[in-house]
Amino acid sequence: MGTGSPIGVPFEQLGIIPRVFKFIFDELDMRRAQSEFSEFKVKISFLELYNEELHDLLDPASMVRDKITGKPLKELTIREEKNGIISVWGLKEMEVTSQQECVHWLNMGINHRVTSSTGMNEVSSRSHAIFTVTIDQKIVKDEPAPPGEGEKTDEVAQVTEISSKFHFVDLAGSERIKKTGATGKLLKEGISINKGLLCLG
């Protein structure tokens, strides 16, 4: 998926997400060159599901707990809108303008992700992660308004807005306790990894 550290990795060996950044901005540059009427806005977010809790990987406050209450300093909640769309309230969304900015925020999120060493994997993801890319396109065209009786024809801006959203889901591997040799905290995490698939759905 590309949610591991990309440092020192040749481009042809990178995962899906870093490749998508290049594809998106190459495509947007081409479309901007072809049309003077289109405006584009790209936003990203990075969410982690760890021990059945949601963490904002672009905002470490969601991973820090209050010393008195024990609750996260920033809580994320799943809500269903009136139109049936599911959203995560409190999740930070960053506007980006280049492939390099996307890679910067991806790396920051990767550094905040929970990993541990197990009997099967030296750097094992202990969480499921969702990296989301949202592209908003606004198409503005000036078209002649239908003239009324005795009136001049004026130009009226016709605005069309299109929004696309891509979710890239990186699942932590389902674990067999005997093979990983997990005990204590690692054992609890392994159980949550398997249970978290239902929560993720």
N, C-alpha and C. Protein backbone atom coordinates (compact mmCIF):
# COMPACT_ATOMS: atom_id res chain seq x y z
N MET A 1 0.82 -1.22 0.00
CA MET A 1 0.00 0.00 0.00
C MET A 1 0.85 1.26 0.00
N GLY A 2 2.03 1.18 0.59
CA GLY A 2 2.88 2.38 0.65
C GLY A 2 2.75 3.13 1.94
N THR A 3 2.21 2.50 3.00
CA THR A 3 2.11 3.17 4.30
C THR A 3 3.25 2.75 5.23
N GLY A 4 4.28 2.10 4.66
CA GLY A 4 5.52 1.89 5.40
C GLY A 4 6.48 3.01 5.04
N SER A 5 7.61 3.08 5.69
CA SER A 5 8.56 4.16 5.43
C SER A 5 9.11 4.05 4.00
N PRO A 6 9.01 5.15 3.20
CA PRO A 6 9.48 5.11 1.82
C PRO A 6 10.94 5.56 1.67
N ILE A 7 11.60 5.89 2.79
CA ILE A 7 12.95 6.45 2.73
C ILE A 7 13.91 5.45 2.09
N GLY A 8 14.61 5.90 1.04
CA GLY A 8 15.58 5.06 0.36
C GLY A 8 15.00 4.03 -0.59
N VAL A 9 13.68 4.04 -0.77
CA VAL A 9 13.03 3.05 -1.64
C VAL A 9 12.91 3.63 -3.06
N PRO A 10 13.42 2.95 -4.10
CA PRO A 10 13.27 3.44 -5.47
C PRO A 10 11.80 3.56 -5.85
N PHE A 11 11.49 4.50 -6.76
CA PHE A 11 10.09 4.75 -7.11
C PHE A 11 9.39 3.49 -7.61
N GLU A 12 10.11 2.66 -8.41
CA GLU A 12 9.47 1.47 -8.97
C GLU A 12 9.13 0.43 -7.91
N GLN A 13 9.64 0.62 -6.69
CA GLN A 13 9.35 -0.31 -5.60
C GLN A 13 8.39 0.29 -4.56
N LEU A 14 7.94 1.53 -4.80
CA LEU A 14 7.02 2.16 -3.87
C LEU A 14 5.64 1.52 -3.93
N GLY A 15 4.86 1.70 -2.87
CA GLY A 15 3.51 1.16 -2.82
C GLY A 15 2.53 2.02 -3.60
N ILE A 16 1.26 1.66 -3.50
CA ILE A 16 0.20 2.30 -4.30
C ILE A 16 0.04 3.78 -3.98
N ILE A 17 0.01 4.14 -2.69
CA ILE A 17 -0.33 5.52 -2.32
C ILE A 17 0.66 6.54 -2.87
N PRO A 18 1.99 6.38 -2.68
CA PRO A 18 2.92 7.36 -3.27
C PRO A 18 2.81 7.43 -4.79
N ARG A 19 2.51 6.31 -5.43
CA ARG A 19 2.34 6.32 -6.90
C ARG A 19 1.10 7.12 -7.30
N VAL A 20 0.05 7.02 -6.48
CA VAL A 20 -1.19 7.74 -6.77
C VAL A 20 -0.95 9.25 -6.73
N PHE A 21 -0.12 9.72 -5.78
CA PHE A 21 0.20 11.15 -5.69
C PHE A 21 0.74 11.65 -7.03
N LYS A 22 1.69 10.92 -7.58
CA LYS A 22 2.30 11.32 -8.86
C LYS A 22 1.25 11.33 -9.97
N PHE A 23 0.44 10.27 -10.03
CA PHE A 23 -0.57 10.16 -11.07
C PHE A 23 -1.56 11.34 -11.00
N ILE A 24 -2.03 11.65 -9.78
CA ILE A 24 -3.04 12.70 -9.61
C ILE A 24 -2.51 14.04 -10.08
N PHE A 25 -1.32 14.44 -9.60
CA PHE A 25 -0.83 15.78 -9.94
C PHE A 25 -0.35 15.88 -11.38
N ASP A 26 0.14 14.79 -11.96
CA ASP A 26 0.44 14.80 -13.40
C ASP A 26 -0.84 15.00 -14.20
N GLU A 27 -1.91 14.32 -13.77
CA GLU A 27 -3.20 14.42 -14.46
C GLU A 27 -3.79 15.83 -14.31
N LEU A 28 -3.71 16.39 -13.11
CA LEU A 28 -4.26 17.74 -12.90
C LEU A 28 -3.50 18.78 -13.70
N ASP A 29 -2.17 18.66 -13.77
CA ASP A 29 -1.37 19.59 -14.58
C ASP A 29 -1.79 19.52 -16.04
N MET A 30 -2.05 18.33 -16.54
CA MET A 30 -2.47 18.16 -17.93
C MET A 30 -3.85 18.79 -18.15
N ARG A 31 -4.77 18.57 -17.19
CA ARG A 31 -6.13 19.10 -17.36
C ARG A 31 -6.15 20.63 -17.25
N ARG A 32 -5.31 21.18 -16.37
CA ARG A 32 -5.23 22.64 -16.27
C ARG A 32 -4.72 23.24 -17.57
N ALA A 33 -3.78 22.57 -18.19
CA ALA A 33 -3.22 23.06 -19.46
C ALA A 33 -4.25 23.01 -20.59
N GLN A 34 -5.18 22.06 -20.50
CA GLN A 34 -6.18 21.88 -21.55
C GLN A 34 -7.38 22.80 -21.39
N SER A 35 -7.65 23.21 -20.14
CA SER A 35 -8.85 24.02 -19.91
C SER A 35 -8.58 25.14 -18.93
N GLU A 36 -8.96 26.35 -19.31
CA GLU A 36 -8.80 27.50 -18.42
C GLU A 36 -10.01 27.66 -17.49
N PHE A 37 -11.00 26.78 -17.65
CA PHE A 37 -12.25 26.94 -16.89
C PHE A 37 -12.28 26.10 -15.61
N SER A 38 -11.32 25.18 -15.45
CA SER A 38 -11.38 24.26 -14.31
C SER A 38 -10.45 24.67 -13.17
N GLU A 39 -10.96 24.57 -11.95
CA GLU A 39 -10.16 24.78 -10.75
C GLU A 39 -10.20 23.48 -9.94
N PHE A 40 -9.06 23.11 -9.36
CA PHE A 40 -8.97 21.87 -8.60
C PHE A 40 -8.47 22.13 -7.19
N LYS A 41 -9.02 21.36 -6.25
CA LYS A 41 -8.55 21.40 -4.86
C LYS A 41 -8.38 19.96 -4.39
N VAL A 42 -7.20 19.65 -3.84
CA VAL A 42 -6.90 18.28 -3.37
C VAL A 42 -6.72 18.32 -1.86
N LYS A 43 -7.41 17.41 -1.15
CA LYS A 43 -7.28 17.32 0.31
C LYS A 43 -6.99 15.88 0.69
N ILE A 44 -6.26 15.72 1.80
CA ILE A 44 -5.93 14.37 2.27
C ILE A 44 -6.21 14.24 3.76
N SER A 45 -6.46 13.01 4.21
CA SER A 45 -6.58 12.70 5.63
C SER A 45 -6.00 11.30 5.85
N PHE A 46 -5.63 11.00 7.11
CA PHE A 46 -4.97 9.73 7.41
C PHE A 46 -5.50 9.25 8.77
N LEU A 47 -6.21 8.14 8.74
CA LEU A 47 -6.92 7.65 9.92
C LEU A 47 -6.39 6.28 10.32
N GLU A 48 -6.28 6.06 11.64
CA GLU A 48 -5.83 4.76 12.15
C GLU A 48 -6.90 4.18 13.08
N LEU A 49 -7.12 2.88 12.94
CA LEU A 49 -7.99 2.15 13.87
C LEU A 49 -7.12 1.23 14.69
N TYR A 50 -6.93 1.58 15.97
CA TYR A 50 -6.03 0.84 16.85
C TYR A 50 -6.77 0.47 18.12
N ASN A 51 -6.79 -0.83 18.46
CA ASN A 51 -7.53 -1.31 19.64
C ASN A 51 -8.96 -0.77 19.67
N GLU A 52 -9.57 -0.75 18.49
CA GLU A 52 -10.96 -0.30 18.32
C GLU A 52 -11.15 1.18 18.68
N GLU A 53 -10.07 1.96 18.59
CA GLU A 53 -10.13 3.41 18.77
C GLU A 53 -9.63 4.07 17.49
N LEU A 54 -10.21 5.23 17.18
CA LEU A 54 -9.79 5.99 16.00
C LEU A 54 -8.73 7.01 16.38
N HIS A 55 -7.65 7.07 15.59
CA HIS A 55 -6.60 8.05 15.77
C HIS A 55 -6.42 8.85 14.49
N ASP A 56 -6.19 10.14 14.62
CA ASP A 56 -5.89 11.00 13.48
C ASP A 56 -4.37 11.04 13.33
N LEU A 57 -3.84 10.38 12.32
CA LEU A 57 -2.39 10.29 12.16
C LEU A 57 -1.75 11.60 11.73
N LEU A 58 -2.56 12.58 11.32
CA LEU A 58 -2.03 13.91 10.98
C LEU A 58 -2.15 14.88 12.15
N ASP A 59 -2.69 14.40 13.27
CA ASP A 59 -2.84 15.24 14.47
C ASP A 59 -2.59 14.38 15.70
N PRO A 60 -1.37 14.42 16.25
CA PRO A 60 -0.99 13.56 17.38
C PRO A 60 -1.86 13.73 18.62
N ALA A 61 -2.63 14.84 18.72
CA ALA A 61 -3.47 15.07 19.91
C ALA A 61 -4.48 13.94 20.11
N SER A 62 -4.85 13.27 19.02
CA SER A 62 -5.84 12.19 19.12
C SER A 62 -5.23 10.93 19.73
N MET A 63 -3.90 10.90 19.88
CA MET A 63 -3.22 9.74 20.45
C MET A 63 -2.71 10.00 21.87
N VAL A 64 -2.90 11.24 22.36
CA VAL A 64 -2.45 11.61 23.70
C VAL A 64 -3.66 11.64 24.62
N ARG A 65 -3.53 11.03 25.79
CA ARG A 65 -4.65 10.97 26.74
C ARG A 65 -4.48 11.98 27.87
N ASP A 66 -5.62 12.51 28.31
CA ASP A 66 -5.64 13.40 29.47
C ASP A 66 -5.23 12.62 30.72
N LYS A 67 -4.33 13.17 31.51
CA LYS A 67 -3.80 12.46 32.67
C LYS A 67 -4.86 12.22 33.74
N ILE A 68 -5.89 13.06 33.78
CA ILE A 68 -6.93 12.93 34.81
C ILE A 68 -8.08 12.05 34.33
N THR A 69 -8.63 12.35 33.16
CA THR A 69 -9.80 11.61 32.67
C THR A 69 -9.44 10.34 31.91
N GLY A 70 -8.22 10.29 31.37
CA GLY A 70 -7.82 9.14 30.57
C GLY A 70 -8.37 9.17 29.16
N LYS A 71 -9.13 10.21 28.80
CA LYS A 71 -9.70 10.32 27.46
C LYS A 71 -8.71 11.00 26.51
N PRO A 72 -8.78 10.68 25.21
CA PRO A 72 -7.90 11.36 24.24
C PRO A 72 -8.14 12.87 24.25
N LEU A 73 -7.07 13.64 24.05
CA LEU A 73 -7.21 15.10 24.00
C LEU A 73 -8.08 15.52 22.82
N LYS A 74 -8.10 14.68 21.80
CA LYS A 74 -8.96 14.95 20.64
C LYS A 74 -9.71 13.67 20.31
N GLU A 75 -11.03 13.71 20.40
CA GLU A 75 -11.84 12.52 20.13
C GLU A 75 -12.42 12.58 18.72
N LEU A 76 -12.38 11.45 18.05
CA LEU A 76 -12.97 11.32 16.73
C LEU A 76 -14.24 10.48 16.84
N THR A 77 -15.28 10.91 16.16
CA THR A 77 -16.55 10.18 16.21
C THR A 77 -17.05 9.90 14.80
N ILE A 78 -17.65 8.72 14.63
CA ILE A 78 -18.23 8.34 13.34
C ILE A 78 -19.69 8.76 13.32
N ARG A 79 -20.08 9.50 12.30
CA ARG A 79 -21.47 9.97 12.20
C ARG A 79 -22.02 9.70 10.81
N GLU A 80 -23.32 9.49 10.77
CA GLU A 80 -24.00 9.32 9.49
C GLU A 80 -24.81 10.57 9.20
N GLU A 81 -24.53 11.19 8.05
CA GLU A 81 -25.23 12.42 7.66
C GLU A 81 -26.65 12.09 7.18
N LYS A 82 -27.46 13.13 7.01
CA LYS A 82 -28.84 12.93 6.56
C LYS A 82 -28.90 12.29 5.17
N ASN A 83 -27.86 12.56 4.36
CA ASN A 83 -27.84 11.99 3.00
C ASN A 83 -27.28 10.58 2.97
N GLY A 84 -27.00 10.01 4.16
CA GLY A 84 -26.51 8.64 4.23
C GLY A 84 -25.00 8.50 4.17
N ILE A 85 -24.29 9.62 4.00
CA ILE A 85 -22.83 9.58 3.92
C ILE A 85 -22.25 9.41 5.33
N ILE A 86 -21.29 8.50 5.47
CA ILE A 86 -20.61 8.28 6.74
C ILE A 86 -19.38 9.17 6.79
N SER A 87 -19.19 9.89 7.89
CA SER A 87 -18.02 10.75 8.02
C SER A 87 -17.44 10.63 9.43
N VAL A 88 -16.17 11.01 9.55
CA VAL A 88 -15.48 10.99 10.85
C VAL A 88 -15.31 12.44 11.30
N TRP A 89 -16.04 12.82 12.33
CA TRP A 89 -15.98 14.19 12.85
C TRP A 89 -14.72 14.37 13.66
N GLY A 90 -14.04 15.50 13.42
CA GLY A 90 -12.82 15.80 14.15
C GLY A 90 -11.57 15.40 13.39
N LEU A 91 -11.74 14.68 12.26
CA LEU A 91 -10.58 14.22 11.49
C LEU A 91 -9.99 15.39 10.70
N LYS A 92 -8.68 15.58 10.84
CA LYS A 92 -7.99 16.69 10.17
C LYS A 92 -7.87 16.40 8.68
N GLU A 93 -8.20 17.40 7.88
CA GLU A 93 -8.10 17.28 6.42
C GLU A 93 -7.15 18.37 5.94
N MET A 94 -6.07 17.97 5.27
CA MET A 94 -5.06 18.92 4.82
C MET A 94 -5.22 19.19 3.32
N GLU A 95 -5.22 20.48 2.96
CA GLU A 95 -5.21 20.82 1.53
C GLU A 95 -3.77 20.78 1.03
N VAL A 96 -3.55 20.11 -0.09
CA VAL A 96 -2.20 19.94 -0.64
C VAL A 96 -2.18 20.44 -2.08
N THR A 97 -0.99 20.90 -2.49
CA THR A 97 -0.88 21.46 -3.84
C THR A 97 0.18 20.77 -4.69
N SER A 98 0.83 19.75 -4.14
CA SER A 98 1.88 19.08 -4.90
C SER A 98 2.08 17.66 -4.41
N GLN A 99 2.75 16.87 -5.23
CA GLN A 99 3.11 15.50 -4.87
C GLN A 99 4.01 15.50 -3.64
N GLN A 100 4.93 16.48 -3.56
CA GLN A 100 5.88 16.55 -2.45
C GLN A 100 5.17 16.80 -1.13
N GLU A 101 4.15 17.67 -1.14
CA GLU A 101 3.38 17.93 0.08
C GLU A 101 2.67 16.65 0.55
N CYS A 102 2.11 15.91 -0.39
CA CYS A 102 1.42 14.66 -0.04
C CYS A 102 2.38 13.68 0.62
N VAL A 103 3.57 13.54 0.05
CA VAL A 103 4.57 12.63 0.61
C VAL A 103 4.97 13.08 2.01
N HIS A 104 5.10 14.39 2.21
CA HIS A 104 5.45 14.93 3.54
C HIS A 104 4.42 14.51 4.59
N TRP A 105 3.13 14.70 4.29
CA TRP A 105 2.08 14.37 5.25
C TRP A 105 1.94 12.86 5.42
N LEU A 106 2.14 12.11 4.35
CA LEU A 106 2.11 10.65 4.45
C LEU A 106 3.20 10.16 5.42
N ASN A 107 4.41 10.70 5.27
CA ASN A 107 5.52 10.31 6.13
C ASN A 107 5.25 10.68 7.58
N MET A 108 4.65 11.86 7.80
CA MET A 108 4.32 12.28 9.15
C MET A 108 3.33 11.30 9.79
N GLY A 109 2.32 10.91 9.02
CA GLY A 109 1.34 9.95 9.54
C GLY A 109 1.96 8.60 9.82
N ILE A 110 2.85 8.15 8.94
CA ILE A 110 3.52 6.86 9.13
C ILE A 110 4.30 6.86 10.45
N ASN A 111 4.95 7.98 10.75
CA ASN A 111 5.74 8.08 11.98
C ASN A 111 4.87 7.97 13.23
N HIS A 112 3.59 8.33 13.12
CA HIS A 112 2.68 8.27 14.27
C HIS A 112 1.96 6.93 14.38
N ARG A 113 2.10 6.10 13.36
CA ARG A 113 1.37 4.83 13.36
C ARG A 113 1.97 3.85 14.36
N VAL A 114 1.13 3.02 14.96
CA VAL A 114 1.57 2.07 15.98
C VAL A 114 2.15 0.83 15.32
N THR A 115 3.42 0.52 15.64
CA THR A 115 4.07 -0.69 15.15
C THR A 115 4.79 -1.38 16.31
N SER A 116 5.02 -2.69 16.16
CA SER A 116 5.77 -3.46 17.16
C SER A 116 6.48 -4.60 16.45
N SER A 117 7.43 -5.21 17.15
CA SER A 117 8.13 -6.37 16.62
C SER A 117 7.47 -7.64 17.16
N THR A 118 7.17 -8.58 16.26
CA THR A 118 6.59 -9.86 16.67
C THR A 118 7.46 -11.00 16.15
N GLY A 119 7.07 -12.22 16.49
CA GLY A 119 7.82 -13.39 16.04
C GLY A 119 7.76 -13.60 14.55
N MET A 120 6.83 -12.92 13.85
CA MET A 120 6.69 -13.10 12.41
C MET A 120 7.16 -11.88 11.62
N ASN A 121 7.24 -10.73 12.27
CA ASN A 121 7.52 -9.49 11.54
C ASN A 121 8.26 -8.52 12.45
N GLU A 122 9.43 -8.05 11.98
CA GLU A 122 10.23 -7.14 12.80
C GLU A 122 9.54 -5.80 13.01
N VAL A 123 8.84 -5.32 11.96
CA VAL A 123 8.08 -4.06 12.07
C VAL A 123 6.64 -4.37 11.67
N SER A 124 5.84 -4.76 12.63
CA SER A 124 4.46 -5.18 12.36
C SER A 124 3.49 -4.04 12.64
N SER A 125 2.61 -3.75 11.66
CA SER A 125 1.55 -2.76 11.89
C SER A 125 0.59 -3.31 12.92
N ARG A 126 0.28 -2.53 13.94
CA ARG A 126 -0.64 -2.98 14.98
C ARG A 126 -2.00 -2.33 14.81
N SER A 127 -2.24 -1.78 13.64
CA SER A 127 -3.50 -1.06 13.40
C SER A 127 -3.89 -1.17 11.94
N HIS A 128 -5.16 -0.87 11.66
CA HIS A 128 -5.63 -0.69 10.30
C HIS A 128 -5.57 0.81 9.99
N ALA A 129 -5.30 1.16 8.75
CA ALA A 129 -5.19 2.58 8.40
C ALA A 129 -5.96 2.88 7.12
N ILE A 130 -6.52 4.10 7.06
CA ILE A 130 -7.24 4.56 5.87
C ILE A 130 -6.66 5.91 5.45
N PHE A 131 -6.08 5.94 4.28
CA PHE A 131 -5.58 7.21 3.71
C PHE A 131 -6.59 7.66 2.67
N THR A 132 -7.12 8.87 2.83
CA THR A 132 -8.18 9.36 1.95
C THR A 132 -7.70 10.57 1.14
N VAL A 133 -7.97 10.53 -0.15
CA VAL A 133 -7.68 11.66 -1.04
C VAL A 133 -9.01 12.16 -1.60
N THR A 134 -9.27 13.46 -1.42
CA THR A 134 -10.49 14.08 -1.95
C THR A 134 -10.09 15.11 -3.01
N ILE A 135 -10.72 15.03 -4.17
CA ILE A 135 -10.46 15.99 -5.25
C ILE A 135 -11.75 16.73 -5.57
N ASP A 136 -11.73 18.04 -5.39
CA ASP A 136 -12.87 18.90 -5.74
C ASP A 136 -12.54 19.65 -7.02
N GLN A 137 -13.43 19.57 -7.99
CA GLN A 137 -13.24 20.29 -9.25
C GLN A 137 -14.38 21.28 -9.44
N LYS A 138 -14.00 22.50 -9.79
CA LYS A 138 -15.01 23.53 -10.08
C LYS A 138 -14.81 23.98 -11.53
N ILE A 139 -15.87 23.87 -12.32
CA ILE A 139 -15.83 24.27 -13.73
C ILE A 139 -16.67 25.53 -13.88
N VAL A 140 -16.03 26.61 -14.29
CA VAL A 140 -16.73 27.90 -14.43
C VAL A 140 -16.70 28.31 -15.89
N LYS A 141 -17.89 28.48 -16.47
CA LYS A 141 -17.98 28.92 -17.86
C LYS A 141 -18.95 30.08 -17.96
N ASP A 142 -18.56 31.06 -18.75
CA ASP A 142 -19.46 32.19 -19.02
C ASP A 142 -20.30 31.87 -20.24
N GLU A 143 -21.63 31.87 -20.04
CA GLU A 143 -22.54 31.58 -21.14
C GLU A 143 -23.55 32.72 -21.25
N PRO A 144 -24.00 32.98 -22.46
CA PRO A 144 -24.98 34.06 -22.64
C PRO A 144 -26.31 33.73 -21.96
N ALA A 145 -26.83 34.69 -21.20
CA ALA A 145 -28.14 34.50 -20.56
C ALA A 145 -29.23 34.74 -21.60
N PRO A 146 -30.33 34.02 -21.47
CA PRO A 146 -31.42 34.25 -22.43
C PRO A 146 -31.96 35.67 -22.27
N PRO A 147 -32.01 36.44 -23.36
CA PRO A 147 -32.44 37.84 -23.25
C PRO A 147 -33.95 37.96 -23.04
N GLY A 148 -34.33 38.94 -22.20
CA GLY A 148 -35.75 39.25 -22.05
C GLY A 148 -36.15 40.25 -23.13
N GLU A 149 -37.41 40.58 -23.19
CA GLU A 149 -37.90 41.49 -24.23
C GLU A 149 -37.29 42.87 -24.05
N GLY A 150 -36.59 43.33 -25.06
CA GLY A 150 -36.00 44.66 -25.01
C GLY A 150 -34.74 44.72 -24.15
N GLU A 151 -34.19 43.57 -23.74
CA GLU A 151 -32.98 43.58 -22.90
C GLU A 151 -31.78 43.11 -23.70
N LYS A 152 -30.59 43.54 -23.21
CA LYS A 152 -29.35 43.08 -23.82
C LYS A 152 -28.99 41.70 -23.27
N THR A 153 -28.26 40.92 -24.05
CA THR A 153 -27.79 39.62 -23.60
C THR A 153 -26.52 39.79 -22.77
N ASP A 154 -26.51 39.31 -21.54
CA ASP A 154 -25.33 39.39 -20.68
C ASP A 154 -24.71 38.02 -20.52
N GLU A 155 -23.44 38.03 -20.07
CA GLU A 155 -22.75 36.78 -19.77
C GLU A 155 -23.07 36.35 -18.34
N VAL A 156 -23.43 35.10 -18.16
CA VAL A 156 -23.73 34.56 -16.83
C VAL A 156 -22.81 33.38 -16.56
N ALA A 157 -22.18 33.38 -15.40
CA ALA A 157 -21.25 32.31 -15.05
C ALA A 157 -22.03 31.05 -14.68
N GLN A 158 -21.73 29.96 -15.37
CA GLN A 158 -22.32 28.66 -15.06
C GLN A 158 -21.27 27.84 -14.29
N VAL A 159 -21.59 27.45 -13.06
CA VAL A 159 -20.63 26.75 -12.21
C VAL A 159 -21.07 25.31 -12.00
N THR A 160 -20.17 24.38 -12.30
CA THR A 160 -20.41 22.96 -12.05
C THR A 160 -19.35 22.47 -11.06
N GLU A 161 -19.78 21.79 -10.00
CA GLU A 161 -18.85 21.27 -9.00
C GLU A 161 -18.91 19.75 -8.96
N ILE A 162 -17.74 19.13 -8.98
CA ILE A 162 -17.62 17.66 -8.95
C ILE A 162 -16.65 17.30 -7.82
N SER A 163 -17.03 16.33 -7.01
CA SER A 163 -16.15 15.89 -5.92
C SER A 163 -15.93 14.38 -6.01
N SER A 164 -14.68 13.98 -5.87
CA SER A 164 -14.32 12.56 -5.90
C SER A 164 -13.52 12.23 -4.65
N LYS A 165 -13.76 11.05 -4.10
CA LYS A 165 -13.06 10.65 -2.89
C LYS A 165 -12.53 9.23 -3.05
N PHE A 166 -11.25 9.05 -2.71
CA PHE A 166 -10.60 7.74 -2.80
C PHE A 166 -10.13 7.32 -1.42
N HIS A 167 -10.52 6.13 -0.98
CA HIS A 167 -10.06 5.57 0.30
C HIS A 167 -9.07 4.45 0.01
N PHE A 168 -7.86 4.57 0.55
CA PHE A 168 -6.86 3.52 0.44
C PHE A 168 -6.74 2.86 1.81
N VAL A 169 -7.15 1.60 1.90
CA VAL A 169 -7.24 0.91 3.19
C VAL A 169 -6.07 -0.07 3.33
N ASP A 170 -5.27 0.13 4.37
CA ASP A 170 -4.15 -0.75 4.66
C ASP A 170 -4.49 -1.56 5.91
N LEU A 171 -4.81 -2.84 5.72
CA LEU A 171 -5.20 -3.68 6.85
C LEU A 171 -3.98 -4.31 7.50
N ALA A 172 -3.97 -4.29 8.83
CA ALA A 172 -2.96 -5.06 9.55
C ALA A 172 -3.27 -6.53 9.33
N GLY A 173 -2.25 -7.36 9.21
CA GLY A 173 -2.46 -8.77 8.93
C GLY A 173 -3.18 -9.48 10.06
N SER A 174 -4.15 -10.34 9.71
CA SER A 174 -4.81 -11.17 10.72
C SER A 174 -3.76 -12.09 11.34
N GLU A 175 -3.74 -12.18 12.67
CA GLU A 175 -2.63 -12.85 13.36
C GLU A 175 -3.03 -14.16 14.03
N ARG A 176 -2.15 -15.15 13.92
CA ARG A 176 -2.29 -16.39 14.68
C ARG A 176 -1.35 -16.28 15.88
N ILE A 177 -1.93 -16.36 17.05
CA ILE A 177 -1.18 -16.11 18.27
C ILE A 177 0.02 -17.07 18.39
N LYS A 178 -0.15 -18.35 18.00
CA LYS A 178 0.94 -19.33 18.13
C LYS A 178 2.15 -18.94 17.29
N LYS A 179 1.89 -18.40 16.08
CA LYS A 179 2.99 -18.07 15.18
C LYS A 179 3.70 -16.79 15.60
N THR A 180 2.96 -15.81 16.12
CA THR A 180 3.59 -14.55 16.48
C THR A 180 4.27 -14.64 17.84
N GLY A 181 3.85 -15.57 18.67
CA GLY A 181 4.43 -15.67 20.01
C GLY A 181 4.07 -14.49 20.89
N ALA A 182 2.94 -13.84 20.59
CA ALA A 182 2.56 -12.62 21.30
C ALA A 182 2.05 -12.91 22.71
N THR A 183 2.44 -12.05 23.64
CA THR A 183 1.93 -12.10 25.01
C THR A 183 1.67 -10.68 25.48
N GLY A 184 0.94 -10.55 26.58
CA GLY A 184 0.71 -9.23 27.19
C GLY A 184 0.07 -8.24 26.23
N LYS A 185 0.70 -7.07 26.08
CA LYS A 185 0.16 -6.00 25.23
C LYS A 185 0.05 -6.45 23.78
N LEU A 186 1.07 -7.18 23.27
CA LEU A 186 1.03 -7.65 21.88
C LEU A 186 -0.13 -8.61 21.66
N LEU A 187 -0.42 -9.43 22.65
CA LEU A 187 -1.54 -10.37 22.54
C LEU A 187 -2.86 -9.60 22.44
N LYS A 188 -3.02 -8.58 23.29
CA LYS A 188 -4.24 -7.76 23.26
C LYS A 188 -4.38 -7.06 21.91
N GLU A 189 -3.26 -6.55 21.38
CA GLU A 189 -3.29 -5.87 20.08
C GLU A 189 -3.69 -6.85 18.98
N GLY A 190 -3.16 -8.08 19.04
CA GLY A 190 -3.49 -9.08 18.01
C GLY A 190 -4.96 -9.40 18.00
N ILE A 191 -5.57 -9.52 19.17
CA ILE A 191 -7.01 -9.77 19.26
C ILE A 191 -7.78 -8.59 18.68
N SER A 192 -7.33 -7.36 19.00
CA SER A 192 -8.01 -6.16 18.50
C SER A 192 -7.87 -6.01 17.00
N ILE A 193 -6.73 -6.45 16.45
CA ILE A 193 -6.53 -6.39 15.00
C ILE A 193 -7.62 -7.21 14.30
N ASN A 194 -7.88 -8.40 14.82
CA ASN A 194 -8.90 -9.27 14.21
C ASN A 194 -10.30 -8.72 14.43
N LYS A 195 -10.59 -8.25 15.64
CA LYS A 195 -11.92 -7.69 15.94
C LYS A 195 -12.13 -6.38 15.18
N GLY A 196 -11.03 -5.64 14.96
CA GLY A 196 -11.13 -4.33 14.31
C GLY A 196 -11.64 -4.39 12.90
N LEU A 197 -11.52 -5.54 12.24
CA LEU A 197 -12.04 -5.66 10.87
C LEU A 197 -13.54 -5.42 10.85
N LEU A 198 -14.25 -5.92 11.87
CA LEU A 198 -15.70 -5.72 11.95
C LEU A 198 -16.00 -4.24 12.20
N CYS A 199 -15.23 -3.63 13.11
CA CYS A 199 -15.41 -2.21 13.43
C CYS A 199 -15.13 -1.35 12.20
N LEU A 200 -14.10 -1.74 11.44
CA LEU A 200 -13.72 -0.99 10.25
C LEU A 200 -14.85 -1.00 9.22
N GLY A 201 -15.46 -2.17 9.07
CA GLY A 201 -16.57 -2.27 8.12
C GLY A 201 -17.71 -1.35 8.48
